[in-house]
Amino acid sequence: MSIDLPPSRIDAGELLQHVSRVVYRDEPLCYGRDGTNRYDAPKRDYGVLYLGRNLPTALMESVFHKHQWDQDTKRSIALAEVHSRLVRAAGVLEDLCLADLMAEGVMAGYFGLNLEQLARRDYTYTQQVSARVHALQLLLPIIFNLAESPTGTQLLSGHISPAREHVFTFEF
């Protein structure tokens, strides 16, 4: 059974959070292209920026995203790691309409994926989801809002993750 990919809104004025390393304090937020994160571009042909709707989500995405939960279930952070990070706020300037990957049946019905494929440390399946959603901007412009960054780079609002608390956006 195939279903439509439903939209989800983020209102103008909402603050999203990003945790990055202190050494990047004076740098613009980075759209990663290295292919090491769950929803990165599989061909590394566009960048992805991960943002949290709250601090715990931003921390999990930044600090714990490579943590081996099957080997160590503790969620502790060394003080040196805390001192090496900073929290950045990203203000939403316009209402955004994003693809909602958390909506009921989307991962199975739209993408044909099961929980085991989504939870794997090998990000092949989730990066394929990223590529398909990224490609939708050409087919379904109503789902996405283009915004221009201060540097003039075109940014495309991406999608809400299965955690429903974090958002990732695409760079063009």
N, C-alpha and C. Protein backbone atom coordinates (compact mmCIF):
# COMPACT_ATOMS: atom_id res chain seq x y z
N MET A 1 0.84 -1.18 0.00
CA MET A 1 0.00 0.00 0.00
C MET A 1 0.88 1.24 0.00
N SER A 2 0.59 2.15 -0.88
CA SER A 2 1.36 3.39 -0.96
C SER A 2 0.55 4.52 -0.33
N ILE A 3 1.23 5.40 0.38
CA ILE A 3 0.57 6.53 1.01
C ILE A 3 1.26 7.82 0.58
N ASP A 4 0.59 8.94 0.80
CA ASP A 4 1.19 10.24 0.52
C ASP A 4 2.15 10.60 1.64
N LEU A 5 3.13 11.42 1.30
CA LEU A 5 4.08 11.92 2.30
C LEU A 5 3.47 13.18 2.90
N PRO A 6 3.01 13.13 4.15
CA PRO A 6 2.30 14.27 4.73
C PRO A 6 3.25 15.39 5.16
N PRO A 7 2.74 16.62 5.13
CA PRO A 7 3.54 17.75 5.59
C PRO A 7 3.39 17.98 7.09
N SER A 8 4.34 18.71 7.66
CA SER A 8 4.27 19.15 9.05
C SER A 8 4.84 20.56 9.11
N ARG A 9 4.24 21.40 9.93
CA ARG A 9 4.65 22.81 9.99
C ARG A 9 5.59 23.09 11.16
N ILE A 10 6.48 24.04 10.91
CA ILE A 10 7.24 24.68 11.98
C ILE A 10 6.96 26.16 11.81
N ASP A 11 6.43 26.77 12.84
CA ASP A 11 6.00 28.16 12.75
C ASP A 11 7.16 29.14 12.80
N ALA A 12 6.99 30.25 12.10
CA ALA A 12 7.95 31.35 12.18
C ALA A 12 8.07 31.75 13.65
N GLY A 13 9.27 32.06 14.06
CA GLY A 13 9.51 32.47 15.44
C GLY A 13 9.98 31.34 16.33
N GLU A 14 9.80 30.09 15.90
CA GLU A 14 10.28 28.97 16.71
C GLU A 14 11.80 28.95 16.68
N LEU A 15 12.39 28.60 17.81
CA LEU A 15 13.84 28.45 17.89
C LEU A 15 14.21 26.98 17.86
N LEU A 16 15.11 26.65 16.96
CA LEU A 16 15.67 25.31 16.88
C LEU A 16 17.07 25.37 17.45
N GLN A 17 17.60 24.26 17.91
CA GLN A 17 18.91 24.26 18.56
C GLN A 17 19.88 23.33 17.85
N HIS A 18 21.12 23.71 17.90
CA HIS A 18 22.20 22.92 17.30
C HIS A 18 23.37 22.93 18.28
N VAL A 19 23.94 21.77 18.53
CA VAL A 19 25.12 21.67 19.39
C VAL A 19 26.32 21.44 18.48
N SER A 20 27.30 22.32 18.59
CA SER A 20 28.52 22.16 17.79
C SER A 20 29.74 22.35 18.67
N ARG A 21 30.87 22.15 18.09
CA ARG A 21 32.13 22.31 18.82
C ARG A 21 32.46 23.79 18.97
N VAL A 22 33.07 24.14 20.09
CA VAL A 22 33.44 25.52 20.39
C VAL A 22 34.35 26.11 19.31
N VAL A 23 35.19 25.29 18.70
CA VAL A 23 36.11 25.80 17.68
C VAL A 23 35.36 26.39 16.48
N TYR A 24 34.08 26.06 16.33
CA TYR A 24 33.28 26.60 15.22
C TYR A 24 32.43 27.79 15.63
N ARG A 25 32.71 28.36 16.79
CA ARG A 25 31.91 29.46 17.34
C ARG A 25 31.66 30.59 16.34
N ASP A 26 32.66 31.00 15.61
CA ASP A 26 32.53 32.14 14.69
C ASP A 26 32.24 31.72 13.25
N GLU A 27 31.90 30.46 13.05
CA GLU A 27 31.62 29.95 11.71
C GLU A 27 30.11 29.80 11.52
N PRO A 28 29.64 29.89 10.27
CA PRO A 28 28.22 29.61 10.03
C PRO A 28 27.91 28.14 10.33
N LEU A 29 26.66 27.85 10.58
CA LEU A 29 26.26 26.46 10.78
C LEU A 29 26.67 25.65 9.56
N CYS A 30 27.13 24.45 9.80
CA CYS A 30 27.69 23.62 8.74
C CYS A 30 26.68 22.60 8.23
N TYR A 31 26.52 22.56 6.93
CA TYR A 31 25.73 21.52 6.28
C TYR A 31 26.68 20.39 5.92
N GLY A 32 26.70 19.35 6.74
CA GLY A 32 27.66 18.26 6.56
C GLY A 32 27.44 17.48 5.28
N ARG A 33 28.54 17.11 4.66
CA ARG A 33 28.52 16.34 3.42
C ARG A 33 29.37 15.08 3.53
N ASP A 34 29.74 14.67 4.73
CA ASP A 34 30.68 13.55 4.83
C ASP A 34 30.03 12.17 4.80
N GLY A 35 28.71 12.10 4.82
CA GLY A 35 28.04 10.81 4.70
C GLY A 35 28.08 9.94 5.94
N THR A 36 28.43 10.50 7.09
CA THR A 36 28.56 9.69 8.30
C THR A 36 27.32 9.71 9.19
N ASN A 37 26.34 10.53 8.89
CA ASN A 37 25.16 10.65 9.73
C ASN A 37 23.95 9.95 9.09
N ARG A 38 22.97 9.68 9.92
CA ARG A 38 21.82 8.86 9.52
C ARG A 38 21.11 9.35 8.25
N TYR A 39 20.88 10.64 8.11
CA TYR A 39 20.14 11.14 6.95
C TYR A 39 21.01 11.96 6.00
N ASP A 40 22.31 11.74 6.02
CA ASP A 40 23.21 12.44 5.09
C ASP A 40 22.94 11.98 3.66
N ALA A 41 23.40 12.81 2.72
CA ALA A 41 23.26 12.47 1.30
C ALA A 41 24.12 11.25 0.98
N PRO A 42 23.53 10.19 0.44
CA PRO A 42 24.32 9.00 0.17
C PRO A 42 25.44 9.23 -0.85
N LYS A 43 25.23 10.17 -1.78
CA LYS A 43 26.27 10.47 -2.77
C LYS A 43 27.08 11.71 -2.40
N ARG A 44 26.78 12.28 -1.22
CA ARG A 44 27.47 13.48 -0.72
C ARG A 44 27.33 14.67 -1.67
N ASP A 45 26.21 14.74 -2.38
CA ASP A 45 26.00 15.80 -3.35
C ASP A 45 25.19 16.98 -2.80
N TYR A 46 24.76 16.91 -1.56
CA TYR A 46 24.13 18.03 -0.87
C TYR A 46 24.45 17.90 0.61
N GLY A 47 24.40 19.03 1.30
CA GLY A 47 24.69 19.02 2.72
C GLY A 47 23.42 18.86 3.54
N VAL A 48 23.58 18.38 4.77
CA VAL A 48 22.46 18.21 5.69
C VAL A 48 22.83 18.83 7.03
N LEU A 49 21.94 19.64 7.56
CA LEU A 49 22.13 20.26 8.87
C LEU A 49 21.09 19.68 9.82
N TYR A 50 21.54 19.21 10.96
CA TYR A 50 20.66 18.61 11.97
C TYR A 50 20.39 19.62 13.07
N LEU A 51 19.12 19.83 13.39
CA LEU A 51 18.69 20.77 14.42
C LEU A 51 17.71 20.06 15.35
N GLY A 52 17.69 20.48 16.61
CA GLY A 52 16.75 19.91 17.56
C GLY A 52 15.69 20.92 17.96
N ARG A 53 14.51 20.43 18.25
CA ARG A 53 13.46 21.31 18.76
C ARG A 53 13.66 21.56 20.25
N ASN A 54 14.56 20.80 20.87
CA ASN A 54 14.88 20.99 22.28
C ASN A 54 16.34 20.58 22.49
N LEU A 55 16.89 20.96 23.64
CA LEU A 55 18.30 20.70 23.91
C LEU A 55 18.64 19.21 24.01
N PRO A 56 17.84 18.39 24.70
CA PRO A 56 18.19 16.96 24.74
C PRO A 56 18.31 16.33 23.35
N THR A 57 17.42 16.71 22.45
CA THR A 57 17.49 16.17 21.09
C THR A 57 18.74 16.66 20.37
N ALA A 58 19.05 17.93 20.51
CA ALA A 58 20.26 18.47 19.87
C ALA A 58 21.51 17.79 20.42
N LEU A 59 21.54 17.54 21.72
CA LEU A 59 22.67 16.83 22.33
C LEU A 59 22.78 15.40 21.79
N MET A 60 21.66 14.71 21.73
CA MET A 60 21.69 13.33 21.23
C MET A 60 22.20 13.29 19.80
N GLU A 61 21.77 14.22 18.98
CA GLU A 61 22.19 14.23 17.58
C GLU A 61 23.66 14.56 17.43
N SER A 62 24.17 15.42 18.27
CA SER A 62 25.55 15.87 18.14
C SER A 62 26.54 15.03 18.93
N VAL A 63 26.27 14.87 20.20
CA VAL A 63 27.24 14.24 21.09
C VAL A 63 27.12 12.72 21.07
N PHE A 64 25.90 12.22 21.04
CA PHE A 64 25.69 10.77 21.19
C PHE A 64 25.38 10.05 19.88
N HIS A 65 25.42 10.73 18.76
CA HIS A 65 24.92 10.08 17.54
C HIS A 65 25.74 8.86 17.12
N LYS A 66 26.98 8.78 17.54
CA LYS A 66 27.79 7.60 17.21
C LYS A 66 27.98 6.66 18.41
N HIS A 67 27.26 6.94 19.49
CA HIS A 67 27.39 6.12 20.70
C HIS A 67 26.91 4.70 20.42
N GLN A 68 27.60 3.73 20.93
CA GLN A 68 27.24 2.32 20.76
C GLN A 68 26.33 1.89 21.91
N TRP A 69 25.02 2.13 21.78
CA TRP A 69 24.07 1.86 22.86
C TRP A 69 24.02 0.39 23.23
N ASP A 70 24.31 -0.50 22.30
CA ASP A 70 24.27 -1.92 22.61
C ASP A 70 25.45 -2.35 23.49
N GLN A 71 26.48 -1.52 23.56
CA GLN A 71 27.65 -1.83 24.37
C GLN A 71 27.73 -1.01 25.65
N ASP A 72 27.13 0.18 25.65
CA ASP A 72 27.18 1.07 26.81
C ASP A 72 25.90 1.88 26.86
N THR A 73 25.04 1.60 27.83
CA THR A 73 23.75 2.28 27.91
C THR A 73 23.78 3.57 28.70
N LYS A 74 24.93 3.93 29.29
CA LYS A 74 25.02 5.16 30.07
C LYS A 74 24.99 6.38 29.15
N ARG A 75 24.34 7.41 29.60
CA ARG A 75 24.28 8.66 28.86
C ARG A 75 25.02 9.74 29.63
N SER A 76 26.26 9.49 29.90
CA SER A 76 27.07 10.47 30.62
C SER A 76 28.02 11.14 29.63
N ILE A 77 28.36 12.38 29.95
CA ILE A 77 29.26 13.16 29.11
C ILE A 77 30.42 13.62 29.98
N ALA A 78 31.62 13.42 29.51
CA ALA A 78 32.80 13.89 30.24
C ALA A 78 32.79 15.41 30.28
N LEU A 79 33.26 15.98 31.38
CA LEU A 79 33.29 17.43 31.54
C LEU A 79 34.08 18.10 30.40
N ALA A 80 35.16 17.48 29.97
CA ALA A 80 35.95 18.03 28.86
C ALA A 80 35.11 18.12 27.59
N GLU A 81 34.23 17.13 27.38
CA GLU A 81 33.35 17.15 26.20
C GLU A 81 32.34 18.29 26.31
N VAL A 82 31.80 18.49 27.50
CA VAL A 82 30.85 19.59 27.72
C VAL A 82 31.52 20.93 27.41
N HIS A 83 32.74 21.11 27.88
CA HIS A 83 33.45 22.37 27.66
C HIS A 83 33.85 22.57 26.20
N SER A 84 33.86 21.51 25.42
CA SER A 84 34.25 21.63 24.01
C SER A 84 33.06 21.91 23.09
N ARG A 85 31.86 22.04 23.67
CA ARG A 85 30.64 22.23 22.87
C ARG A 85 29.95 23.54 23.20
N LEU A 86 29.13 24.00 22.27
CA LEU A 86 28.27 25.14 22.51
C LEU A 86 26.93 24.89 21.86
N VAL A 87 25.91 25.57 22.38
CA VAL A 87 24.56 25.44 21.84
C VAL A 87 24.27 26.69 21.01
N ARG A 88 23.79 26.48 19.81
CA ARG A 88 23.41 27.59 18.94
C ARG A 88 21.90 27.55 18.73
N ALA A 89 21.30 28.71 18.67
CA ALA A 89 19.88 28.81 18.37
C ALA A 89 19.73 29.23 16.92
N ALA A 90 18.82 28.58 16.23
CA ALA A 90 18.52 28.93 14.84
C ALA A 90 17.05 29.33 14.80
N GLY A 91 16.81 30.60 14.52
CA GLY A 91 15.44 31.10 14.47
C GLY A 91 14.79 30.80 13.14
N VAL A 92 13.53 30.38 13.19
CA VAL A 92 12.76 30.13 11.98
C VAL A 92 12.14 31.46 11.56
N LEU A 93 12.54 31.97 10.40
CA LEU A 93 12.10 33.29 9.95
C LEU A 93 10.75 33.26 9.24
N GLU A 94 10.43 32.16 8.59
CA GLU A 94 9.15 32.01 7.89
C GLU A 94 8.55 30.68 8.30
N ASP A 95 7.22 30.58 8.21
CA ASP A 95 6.61 29.28 8.44
C ASP A 95 7.22 28.28 7.48
N LEU A 96 7.55 27.11 8.00
CA LEU A 96 8.13 26.06 7.16
C LEU A 96 7.16 24.89 7.08
N CYS A 97 7.09 24.31 5.92
CA CYS A 97 6.30 23.11 5.71
C CYS A 97 7.27 22.01 5.32
N LEU A 98 7.39 21.01 6.16
CA LEU A 98 8.38 19.95 5.96
C LEU A 98 7.69 18.61 5.75
N ALA A 99 8.41 17.69 5.15
CA ALA A 99 7.91 16.32 5.02
C ALA A 99 7.96 15.67 6.40
N ASP A 100 6.85 15.12 6.85
CA ASP A 100 6.76 14.52 8.18
C ASP A 100 7.02 13.02 8.11
N LEU A 101 8.23 12.62 8.44
CA LEU A 101 8.60 11.21 8.39
C LEU A 101 8.07 10.43 9.59
N MET A 102 7.52 11.14 10.58
CA MET A 102 7.02 10.47 11.78
C MET A 102 5.54 10.12 11.66
N ALA A 103 4.88 10.64 10.66
CA ALA A 103 3.45 10.36 10.51
C ALA A 103 3.22 8.85 10.38
N GLU A 104 2.09 8.43 10.87
CA GLU A 104 1.78 7.00 10.90
C GLU A 104 1.88 6.36 9.51
N GLY A 105 2.63 5.29 9.43
CA GLY A 105 2.73 4.51 8.21
C GLY A 105 3.69 5.03 7.16
N VAL A 106 4.34 6.16 7.40
CA VAL A 106 5.19 6.76 6.37
C VAL A 106 6.40 5.88 6.05
N MET A 107 7.12 5.46 7.07
CA MET A 107 8.34 4.69 6.79
C MET A 107 8.02 3.36 6.11
N ALA A 108 6.97 2.69 6.52
CA ALA A 108 6.61 1.42 5.89
C ALA A 108 5.84 1.65 4.59
N GLY A 109 4.82 2.49 4.63
CA GLY A 109 3.93 2.67 3.49
C GLY A 109 4.50 3.49 2.36
N TYR A 110 5.29 4.50 2.68
CA TYR A 110 5.84 5.37 1.64
C TYR A 110 7.22 4.90 1.20
N PHE A 111 8.07 4.55 2.18
CA PHE A 111 9.45 4.18 1.87
C PHE A 111 9.69 2.67 1.87
N GLY A 112 8.74 1.89 2.37
CA GLY A 112 8.89 0.44 2.38
C GLY A 112 9.92 -0.06 3.37
N LEU A 113 10.13 0.68 4.46
CA LEU A 113 11.16 0.30 5.44
C LEU A 113 10.53 -0.21 6.73
N ASN A 114 11.26 -1.08 7.41
CA ASN A 114 10.81 -1.57 8.71
C ASN A 114 11.72 -1.01 9.80
N LEU A 115 11.35 -1.25 11.06
CA LEU A 115 12.08 -0.69 12.19
C LEU A 115 13.54 -1.15 12.22
N GLU A 116 13.79 -2.40 11.88
CA GLU A 116 15.16 -2.90 11.88
C GLU A 116 16.03 -2.12 10.89
N GLN A 117 15.50 -1.84 9.72
CA GLN A 117 16.26 -1.08 8.72
C GLN A 117 16.52 0.35 9.19
N LEU A 118 15.54 0.94 9.87
CA LEU A 118 15.67 2.32 10.34
C LEU A 118 16.66 2.45 11.49
N ALA A 119 16.78 1.43 12.32
CA ALA A 119 17.61 1.50 13.52
C ALA A 119 19.05 1.04 13.29
N ARG A 120 19.36 0.57 12.13
CA ARG A 120 20.71 0.04 11.87
C ARG A 120 21.78 1.11 11.97
N ARG A 121 22.99 0.69 12.37
CA ARG A 121 24.15 1.60 12.38
C ARG A 121 24.66 1.84 10.97
N ASP A 122 24.39 0.92 10.07
CA ASP A 122 24.67 1.12 8.65
C ASP A 122 23.53 2.00 8.13
N TYR A 123 23.84 3.21 7.72
CA TYR A 123 22.81 4.18 7.39
C TYR A 123 22.34 4.11 5.94
N THR A 124 22.56 3.01 5.27
CA THR A 124 22.18 2.88 3.86
C THR A 124 20.71 3.22 3.63
N TYR A 125 19.82 2.64 4.42
CA TYR A 125 18.39 2.83 4.20
C TYR A 125 17.94 4.25 4.51
N THR A 126 18.39 4.79 5.63
CA THR A 126 17.96 6.14 6.00
C THR A 126 18.56 7.19 5.06
N GLN A 127 19.75 6.95 4.56
CA GLN A 127 20.32 7.88 3.59
C GLN A 127 19.56 7.82 2.26
N GLN A 128 19.00 6.66 1.93
CA GLN A 128 18.14 6.57 0.75
C GLN A 128 16.86 7.37 0.95
N VAL A 129 16.33 7.35 2.18
CA VAL A 129 15.17 8.19 2.50
C VAL A 129 15.52 9.65 2.28
N SER A 130 16.68 10.08 2.76
CA SER A 130 17.13 11.46 2.58
C SER A 130 17.17 11.82 1.10
N ALA A 131 17.75 10.95 0.29
CA ALA A 131 17.86 11.23 -1.14
C ALA A 131 16.49 11.34 -1.80
N ARG A 132 15.56 10.49 -1.40
CA ARG A 132 14.21 10.55 -1.98
C ARG A 132 13.48 11.83 -1.57
N VAL A 133 13.59 12.21 -0.30
CA VAL A 133 12.93 13.44 0.15
C VAL A 133 13.59 14.65 -0.50
N HIS A 134 14.90 14.64 -0.60
CA HIS A 134 15.63 15.72 -1.25
C HIS A 134 15.16 15.88 -2.70
N ALA A 135 14.96 14.77 -3.40
CA ALA A 135 14.52 14.81 -4.80
C ALA A 135 13.09 15.33 -4.94
N LEU A 136 12.28 15.21 -3.90
CA LEU A 136 10.89 15.65 -3.96
C LEU A 136 10.75 17.15 -4.19
N GLN A 137 11.73 17.93 -3.81
CA GLN A 137 11.60 19.37 -3.98
C GLN A 137 11.36 19.74 -5.44
N LEU A 138 11.77 18.90 -6.37
CA LEU A 138 11.52 19.15 -7.79
C LEU A 138 10.11 18.76 -8.19
N LEU A 139 9.54 17.78 -7.48
CA LEU A 139 8.24 17.25 -7.84
C LEU A 139 7.10 17.83 -7.02
N LEU A 140 7.36 18.13 -5.76
CA LEU A 140 6.31 18.57 -4.85
C LEU A 140 6.71 19.86 -4.14
N PRO A 141 6.82 20.96 -4.86
CA PRO A 141 7.31 22.19 -4.22
C PRO A 141 6.43 22.68 -3.09
N ILE A 142 5.18 22.28 -3.04
CA ILE A 142 4.32 22.74 -1.96
C ILE A 142 4.77 22.21 -0.60
N ILE A 143 5.49 21.10 -0.57
CA ILE A 143 5.94 20.53 0.70
C ILE A 143 7.10 21.32 1.29
N PHE A 144 7.79 22.05 0.47
CA PHE A 144 9.00 22.71 0.92
C PHE A 144 8.93 24.22 0.73
N ASN A 145 9.61 24.93 1.59
CA ASN A 145 9.75 26.38 1.45
C ASN A 145 11.22 26.70 1.27
N LEU A 146 11.54 27.41 0.20
CA LEU A 146 12.92 27.84 0.00
C LEU A 146 13.15 29.11 0.81
N ALA A 147 14.27 29.18 1.44
CA ALA A 147 14.65 30.37 2.18
C ALA A 147 16.07 30.71 1.79
N GLU A 148 16.44 31.95 1.90
CA GLU A 148 17.80 32.33 1.55
C GLU A 148 18.57 32.64 2.82
N SER A 149 19.74 32.06 2.92
CA SER A 149 20.58 32.28 4.10
C SER A 149 21.29 33.62 3.97
N PRO A 150 21.88 34.12 5.06
CA PRO A 150 22.62 35.38 4.99
C PRO A 150 23.79 35.33 3.99
N THR A 151 24.29 34.14 3.70
CA THR A 151 25.41 34.02 2.76
C THR A 151 24.93 33.89 1.33
N GLY A 152 23.62 33.85 1.12
CA GLY A 152 23.08 33.73 -0.22
C GLY A 152 22.88 32.29 -0.67
N THR A 153 23.24 31.33 0.16
CA THR A 153 23.06 29.93 -0.19
C THR A 153 21.58 29.58 -0.11
N GLN A 154 21.07 28.90 -1.11
CA GLN A 154 19.68 28.47 -1.05
C GLN A 154 19.56 27.30 -0.09
N LEU A 155 18.64 27.41 0.84
CA LEU A 155 18.42 26.35 1.81
C LEU A 155 17.03 25.77 1.59
N LEU A 156 16.92 24.49 1.66
CA LEU A 156 15.63 23.84 1.52
C LEU A 156 15.26 23.20 2.84
N SER A 157 14.10 23.52 3.34
CA SER A 157 13.68 22.87 4.57
C SER A 157 13.55 21.38 4.28
N GLY A 158 14.06 20.59 5.17
CA GLY A 158 14.14 19.16 4.93
C GLY A 158 12.96 18.41 5.49
N HIS A 159 13.15 17.69 6.57
CA HIS A 159 12.07 16.89 7.09
C HIS A 159 12.24 16.62 8.57
N ILE A 160 11.14 16.29 9.19
CA ILE A 160 11.15 15.97 10.61
C ILE A 160 11.49 14.49 10.75
N SER A 161 12.36 14.20 11.66
CA SER A 161 12.84 12.82 11.81
C SER A 161 11.84 11.96 12.55
N PRO A 162 12.09 10.64 12.53
CA PRO A 162 11.21 9.75 13.30
C PRO A 162 11.18 10.07 14.79
N ALA A 163 12.16 10.76 15.33
CA ALA A 163 12.13 11.14 16.74
C ALA A 163 11.13 12.27 16.98
N ARG A 164 10.67 12.90 15.94
CA ARG A 164 9.73 14.02 15.91
C ARG A 164 10.26 15.27 16.60
N GLU A 165 11.39 15.21 17.21
CA GLU A 165 11.93 16.37 17.89
C GLU A 165 13.11 16.97 17.15
N HIS A 166 13.62 16.30 16.12
CA HIS A 166 14.70 16.94 15.41
C HIS A 166 14.37 17.11 13.94
N VAL A 167 14.98 18.12 13.38
CA VAL A 167 14.70 18.56 12.02
C VAL A 167 16.02 18.55 11.29
N PHE A 168 16.00 18.14 10.05
CA PHE A 168 17.21 18.31 9.28
C PHE A 168 16.86 18.99 7.98
N THR A 169 17.76 19.85 7.54
CA THR A 169 17.53 20.68 6.36
C THR A 169 18.61 20.39 5.33
N PHE A 170 18.28 20.68 4.10
CA PHE A 170 19.20 20.44 2.99
C PHE A 170 19.82 21.73 2.50
N GLU A 171 21.02 21.64 2.02
CA GLU A 171 21.74 22.76 1.41
C GLU A 171 21.83 22.50 -0.09
N PHE A 172 21.72 23.56 -0.86
CA PHE A 172 21.89 23.45 -2.32
C PHE A 172 23.05 24.30 -2.74
